[in-house]
N, C-alpha and C. Protein backbone atom coordinates (compact mmCIF):
# COMPACT_ATOMS: atom_id res chain seq x y z
N MET A 1 0.85 -1.18 0.00
CA MET A 1 0.00 0.00 0.00
C MET A 1 0.89 1.24 0.00
N LYS A 2 0.61 2.17 -0.88
CA LYS A 2 1.36 3.41 -0.96
C LYS A 2 0.81 4.40 0.05
N ILE A 3 1.68 5.15 0.69
CA ILE A 3 1.27 6.17 1.65
C ILE A 3 1.49 7.54 1.02
N TYR A 4 0.45 8.37 1.05
CA TYR A 4 0.51 9.71 0.48
C TYR A 4 0.57 10.74 1.61
N ASP A 5 1.50 11.65 1.51
CA ASP A 5 1.59 12.74 2.48
C ASP A 5 0.87 13.94 1.88
N ILE A 6 -0.27 14.29 2.43
CA ILE A 6 -1.03 15.43 1.92
C ILE A 6 -1.00 16.61 2.90
N THR A 7 -0.10 16.54 3.87
CA THR A 7 -0.06 17.60 4.88
C THR A 7 0.33 18.94 4.27
N GLN A 8 -0.20 19.98 4.87
CA GLN A 8 0.12 21.35 4.48
C GLN A 8 0.80 22.03 5.67
N GLU A 9 1.75 22.88 5.39
CA GLU A 9 2.43 23.63 6.44
C GLU A 9 1.43 24.64 7.00
N VAL A 10 1.17 24.58 8.29
CA VAL A 10 0.11 25.37 8.92
C VAL A 10 0.30 26.87 8.73
N PHE A 11 1.51 27.37 8.90
CA PHE A 11 1.71 28.81 8.88
C PHE A 11 1.95 29.37 7.48
N GLY A 12 1.98 28.52 6.47
CA GLY A 12 2.22 29.00 5.12
C GLY A 12 1.13 28.64 4.13
N CYS A 13 0.15 27.86 4.55
CA CYS A 13 -0.89 27.43 3.61
C CYS A 13 -1.98 28.49 3.48
N ALA A 14 -2.79 28.33 2.46
CA ALA A 14 -3.90 29.26 2.23
C ALA A 14 -4.91 29.17 3.37
N VAL A 15 -5.56 30.28 3.66
CA VAL A 15 -6.58 30.35 4.70
C VAL A 15 -7.92 30.64 4.03
N PHE A 16 -8.95 29.92 4.44
CA PHE A 16 -10.28 30.14 3.87
C PHE A 16 -10.71 31.58 4.14
N PRO A 17 -11.28 32.25 3.14
CA PRO A 17 -11.69 33.65 3.32
C PRO A 17 -12.57 33.84 4.56
N GLY A 18 -12.17 34.78 5.40
CA GLY A 18 -12.91 35.07 6.62
C GLY A 18 -12.35 34.37 7.85
N ASP A 19 -11.57 33.30 7.65
CA ASP A 19 -10.95 32.62 8.79
C ASP A 19 -9.70 33.38 9.22
N PRO A 20 -9.38 33.33 10.51
CA PRO A 20 -8.16 34.01 10.97
C PRO A 20 -6.91 33.24 10.53
N SER A 21 -5.85 33.97 10.26
CA SER A 21 -4.57 33.34 9.92
C SER A 21 -3.95 32.76 11.19
N PRO A 22 -3.25 31.64 11.07
CA PRO A 22 -2.59 31.06 12.24
C PRO A 22 -1.52 32.01 12.79
N GLU A 23 -1.37 31.99 14.10
CA GLU A 23 -0.35 32.80 14.77
C GLU A 23 0.41 31.92 15.75
N ARG A 24 1.70 32.18 15.91
CA ARG A 24 2.48 31.47 16.93
C ARG A 24 3.11 32.49 17.88
N PHE A 25 3.23 32.06 19.13
CA PHE A 25 3.75 32.93 20.18
C PHE A 25 4.83 32.20 20.95
N LYS A 26 5.97 32.82 21.12
CA LYS A 26 7.04 32.25 21.93
C LYS A 26 6.71 32.58 23.39
N MET A 27 6.40 31.57 24.18
CA MET A 27 6.01 31.77 25.57
C MET A 27 7.23 31.78 26.50
N LEU A 28 8.11 30.83 26.27
CA LEU A 28 9.35 30.74 27.05
C LEU A 28 10.51 30.57 26.07
N ASP A 29 11.68 31.08 26.46
CA ASP A 29 12.84 31.01 25.58
C ASP A 29 14.10 30.81 26.42
N ILE A 30 14.81 29.74 26.13
CA ILE A 30 16.04 29.45 26.86
C ILE A 30 17.02 30.61 26.74
N LYS A 31 17.03 31.27 25.58
CA LYS A 31 17.93 32.41 25.37
C LYS A 31 17.64 33.55 26.34
N ASN A 32 16.42 33.59 26.87
CA ASN A 32 16.04 34.63 27.84
C ASN A 32 16.14 34.15 29.28
N GLY A 33 16.75 32.98 29.47
CA GLY A 33 16.93 32.46 30.82
C GLY A 33 15.83 31.52 31.28
N ASP A 34 14.86 31.24 30.43
CA ASP A 34 13.79 30.32 30.81
C ASP A 34 14.33 28.89 30.84
N ILE A 35 13.64 28.01 31.56
CA ILE A 35 14.08 26.63 31.72
C ILE A 35 13.93 25.80 30.44
N CYS A 36 13.04 26.25 29.54
CA CYS A 36 12.82 25.53 28.29
C CYS A 36 12.28 26.49 27.24
N ASN A 37 12.19 26.00 26.02
CA ASN A 37 11.51 26.74 24.95
C ASN A 37 10.07 26.26 24.91
N LEU A 38 9.14 27.18 24.81
CA LEU A 38 7.72 26.83 24.77
C LEU A 38 7.02 27.76 23.79
N THR A 39 6.32 27.16 22.85
CA THR A 39 5.60 27.93 21.84
C THR A 39 4.12 27.59 21.91
N ALA A 40 3.28 28.59 21.80
CA ALA A 40 1.83 28.40 21.72
C ALA A 40 1.39 28.89 20.35
N PHE A 41 0.26 28.39 19.90
CA PHE A 41 -0.27 28.90 18.64
C PHE A 41 -1.78 28.99 18.70
N LYS A 42 -2.32 29.83 17.82
CA LYS A 42 -3.76 30.06 17.72
C LYS A 42 -4.13 29.93 16.25
N MET A 43 -5.17 29.14 15.98
CA MET A 43 -5.60 28.96 14.59
C MET A 43 -7.03 28.44 14.53
N CYS A 44 -7.62 28.58 13.39
CA CYS A 44 -8.94 28.02 13.12
C CYS A 44 -8.77 26.52 12.89
N ALA A 45 -9.74 25.74 13.29
CA ALA A 45 -9.65 24.28 13.13
C ALA A 45 -9.66 23.85 11.66
N HIS A 46 -9.96 24.77 10.76
CA HIS A 46 -10.00 24.43 9.34
C HIS A 46 -8.77 24.89 8.58
N ASN A 47 -7.74 25.31 9.28
CA ASN A 47 -6.48 25.67 8.62
C ASN A 47 -5.67 24.41 8.37
N GLY A 48 -4.90 24.44 7.31
CA GLY A 48 -3.98 23.34 7.05
C GLY A 48 -4.69 22.02 6.82
N THR A 49 -4.00 20.95 7.10
CA THR A 49 -4.54 19.61 6.90
C THR A 49 -5.50 19.29 8.03
N HIS A 50 -6.71 18.90 7.68
CA HIS A 50 -7.71 18.61 8.71
C HIS A 50 -8.78 17.67 8.17
N VAL A 51 -9.62 17.20 9.06
CA VAL A 51 -10.76 16.35 8.70
C VAL A 51 -12.03 17.11 9.06
N ASP A 52 -12.96 17.17 8.14
CA ASP A 52 -14.27 17.75 8.46
C ASP A 52 -15.14 16.65 9.04
N ALA A 53 -15.56 16.84 10.27
CA ALA A 53 -16.48 15.89 10.91
C ALA A 53 -17.86 16.05 10.29
N PRO A 54 -18.69 15.02 10.34
CA PRO A 54 -20.06 15.16 9.82
C PRO A 54 -20.80 16.36 10.42
N TYR A 55 -20.51 16.69 11.68
CA TYR A 55 -21.16 17.81 12.35
C TYR A 55 -20.90 19.14 11.63
N HIS A 56 -19.81 19.23 10.90
CA HIS A 56 -19.48 20.46 10.17
C HIS A 56 -20.56 20.78 9.13
N PHE A 57 -21.20 19.74 8.60
CA PHE A 57 -22.19 19.92 7.54
C PHE A 57 -23.62 19.56 7.95
N TYR A 58 -23.77 18.80 9.03
CA TYR A 58 -25.10 18.33 9.45
C TYR A 58 -25.32 18.64 10.93
N ALA A 59 -26.44 19.26 11.25
CA ALA A 59 -26.73 19.65 12.64
C ALA A 59 -26.71 18.47 13.59
N ASP A 60 -27.12 17.30 13.11
CA ASP A 60 -27.14 16.11 13.97
C ASP A 60 -25.98 15.16 13.66
N GLY A 61 -24.97 15.66 12.94
CA GLY A 61 -23.82 14.82 12.58
C GLY A 61 -22.89 14.59 13.76
N LYS A 62 -22.04 13.57 13.62
CA LYS A 62 -21.08 13.25 14.67
C LYS A 62 -19.99 14.32 14.73
N THR A 63 -19.55 14.62 15.95
CA THR A 63 -18.38 15.49 16.12
C THR A 63 -17.14 14.60 15.94
N ILE A 64 -16.00 15.21 15.73
CA ILE A 64 -14.80 14.44 15.37
C ILE A 64 -14.43 13.43 16.45
N ASP A 65 -14.68 13.74 17.71
CA ASP A 65 -14.36 12.79 18.78
C ASP A 65 -15.29 11.59 18.80
N GLN A 66 -16.38 11.65 18.05
CA GLN A 66 -17.32 10.53 17.96
C GLN A 66 -17.07 9.65 16.74
N VAL A 67 -16.10 10.03 15.91
CA VAL A 67 -15.78 9.26 14.70
C VAL A 67 -14.64 8.29 15.05
N SER A 68 -14.86 7.02 14.79
CA SER A 68 -13.87 5.99 15.09
C SER A 68 -12.62 6.18 14.23
N LEU A 69 -11.46 5.98 14.83
CA LEU A 69 -10.20 6.07 14.07
C LEU A 69 -10.13 5.04 12.95
N ASP A 70 -10.89 3.96 13.06
CA ASP A 70 -10.92 2.95 12.00
C ASP A 70 -11.35 3.54 10.67
N LYS A 71 -12.14 4.60 10.71
CA LYS A 71 -12.62 5.24 9.48
C LYS A 71 -11.47 5.85 8.68
N PHE A 72 -10.34 6.09 9.33
CA PHE A 72 -9.22 6.77 8.69
C PHE A 72 -8.12 5.82 8.22
N ILE A 73 -8.37 4.53 8.33
CA ILE A 73 -7.37 3.54 7.94
C ILE A 73 -7.91 2.71 6.79
N GLY A 74 -7.15 2.62 5.72
CA GLY A 74 -7.56 1.79 4.59
C GLY A 74 -7.28 2.48 3.27
N TYR A 75 -7.75 1.85 2.21
CA TYR A 75 -7.56 2.39 0.88
C TYR A 75 -8.28 3.72 0.74
N ALA A 76 -7.70 4.60 -0.05
CA ALA A 76 -8.29 5.92 -0.26
C ALA A 76 -7.99 6.39 -1.67
N TYR A 77 -8.81 7.29 -2.13
CA TYR A 77 -8.58 7.96 -3.41
C TYR A 77 -7.98 9.32 -3.08
N VAL A 78 -6.89 9.68 -3.74
CA VAL A 78 -6.25 10.98 -3.53
C VAL A 78 -6.53 11.86 -4.74
N ALA A 79 -7.24 12.95 -4.49
CA ALA A 79 -7.57 13.91 -5.55
C ALA A 79 -6.73 15.16 -5.35
N GLU A 80 -6.22 15.69 -6.44
CA GLU A 80 -5.48 16.95 -6.37
C GLU A 80 -6.43 18.06 -6.79
N HIS A 81 -6.55 19.09 -5.95
CA HIS A 81 -7.46 20.20 -6.25
C HIS A 81 -6.95 21.45 -5.55
N GLU A 82 -6.93 22.54 -6.26
CA GLU A 82 -6.54 23.83 -5.68
C GLU A 82 -7.77 24.69 -5.48
N GLY A 83 -7.85 25.38 -4.37
CA GLY A 83 -8.94 26.32 -4.12
C GLY A 83 -10.16 25.65 -3.50
N GLU A 84 -11.22 26.43 -3.42
CA GLU A 84 -12.47 25.97 -2.82
C GLU A 84 -13.08 24.85 -3.67
N ILE A 85 -13.68 23.88 -3.01
CA ILE A 85 -14.32 22.77 -3.72
C ILE A 85 -15.81 23.07 -3.83
N THR A 86 -16.29 23.14 -5.05
CA THR A 86 -17.72 23.36 -5.29
C THR A 86 -18.44 22.02 -5.28
N ALA A 87 -19.76 22.07 -5.29
CA ALA A 87 -20.56 20.84 -5.36
C ALA A 87 -20.21 20.06 -6.62
N GLU A 88 -20.03 20.76 -7.73
CA GLU A 88 -19.66 20.09 -8.99
C GLU A 88 -18.29 19.44 -8.87
N ASP A 89 -17.34 20.13 -8.23
CA ASP A 89 -16.02 19.53 -8.01
C ASP A 89 -16.14 18.25 -7.19
N ALA A 90 -16.95 18.29 -6.14
CA ALA A 90 -17.13 17.12 -5.27
C ALA A 90 -17.73 15.95 -6.05
N ARG A 91 -18.72 16.23 -6.90
CA ARG A 91 -19.32 15.17 -7.72
C ARG A 91 -18.28 14.56 -8.66
N ARG A 92 -17.46 15.42 -9.28
CA ARG A 92 -16.43 14.94 -10.21
C ARG A 92 -15.39 14.09 -9.47
N ILE A 93 -14.96 14.56 -8.31
CA ILE A 93 -13.96 13.81 -7.53
C ILE A 93 -14.52 12.45 -7.13
N LEU A 94 -15.78 12.41 -6.68
CA LEU A 94 -16.40 11.14 -6.31
C LEU A 94 -16.50 10.21 -7.51
N GLN A 95 -16.88 10.74 -8.66
CA GLN A 95 -16.97 9.90 -9.86
C GLN A 95 -15.60 9.40 -10.28
N ASP A 96 -14.58 10.25 -10.19
CA ASP A 96 -13.22 9.83 -10.51
C ASP A 96 -12.77 8.69 -9.58
N ALA A 97 -13.13 8.80 -8.29
CA ALA A 97 -12.78 7.75 -7.33
C ALA A 97 -13.48 6.45 -7.69
N LYS A 98 -14.76 6.54 -8.04
CA LYS A 98 -15.52 5.34 -8.43
C LYS A 98 -14.92 4.70 -9.67
N ASN A 99 -14.50 5.52 -10.62
CA ASN A 99 -13.91 5.01 -11.86
C ASN A 99 -12.55 4.35 -11.59
N CYS A 100 -11.83 4.87 -10.63
CA CYS A 100 -10.50 4.34 -10.30
C CYS A 100 -10.62 2.99 -9.60
N ASP A 101 -11.38 2.97 -8.51
CA ASP A 101 -11.57 1.75 -7.73
C ASP A 101 -12.68 2.00 -6.72
N PRO A 102 -13.82 1.35 -6.88
CA PRO A 102 -14.94 1.59 -5.96
C PRO A 102 -14.57 1.41 -4.49
N ALA A 103 -13.58 0.59 -4.18
CA ALA A 103 -13.18 0.38 -2.79
C ALA A 103 -12.57 1.65 -2.19
N CYS A 104 -12.11 2.55 -3.03
CA CYS A 104 -11.48 3.78 -2.55
C CYS A 104 -12.48 4.88 -2.19
N CYS A 105 -13.74 4.70 -2.51
CA CYS A 105 -14.73 5.75 -2.30
C CYS A 105 -15.05 6.01 -0.83
N GLU A 106 -14.70 5.09 0.05
CA GLU A 106 -14.96 5.30 1.47
C GLU A 106 -14.09 6.41 2.05
N ARG A 107 -12.93 6.60 1.46
CA ARG A 107 -11.98 7.61 1.95
C ARG A 107 -11.46 8.39 0.75
N ILE A 108 -11.73 9.66 0.73
CA ILE A 108 -11.22 10.52 -0.34
C ILE A 108 -10.39 11.62 0.32
N LEU A 109 -9.15 11.70 -0.09
CA LEU A 109 -8.24 12.73 0.42
C LEU A 109 -8.06 13.77 -0.67
N VAL A 110 -8.19 15.03 -0.29
CA VAL A 110 -8.02 16.11 -1.26
C VAL A 110 -6.70 16.80 -0.95
N LYS A 111 -5.81 16.76 -1.91
CA LYS A 111 -4.49 17.37 -1.77
C LYS A 111 -4.46 18.64 -2.61
N GLY A 112 -4.03 19.72 -1.98
CA GLY A 112 -3.94 20.95 -2.76
C GLY A 112 -3.80 22.16 -1.91
């Protein structure tokens, strides 16, 4: 099984319009005499590489902590796409996954 790295660098990737840009803060610094280096950060949950839980789209959907990790293991279809995904884009990506291998339709990863 091939493993695909679709991660995006959090502080350099595109941010959805209206979402805040990620910020990092140096809390402690050994150079300033602190016992260790400590960094904090603030960001929207939809920045960078992430999973949209069903709750993101459905009022009665599961939150991410209610989704079993088993759902994230197995064959997947990897689609390359830049920018916002429209309904038509989603339909095309799903059809492409079905055409490639129906077993991959359970997990679709969008890289871009």
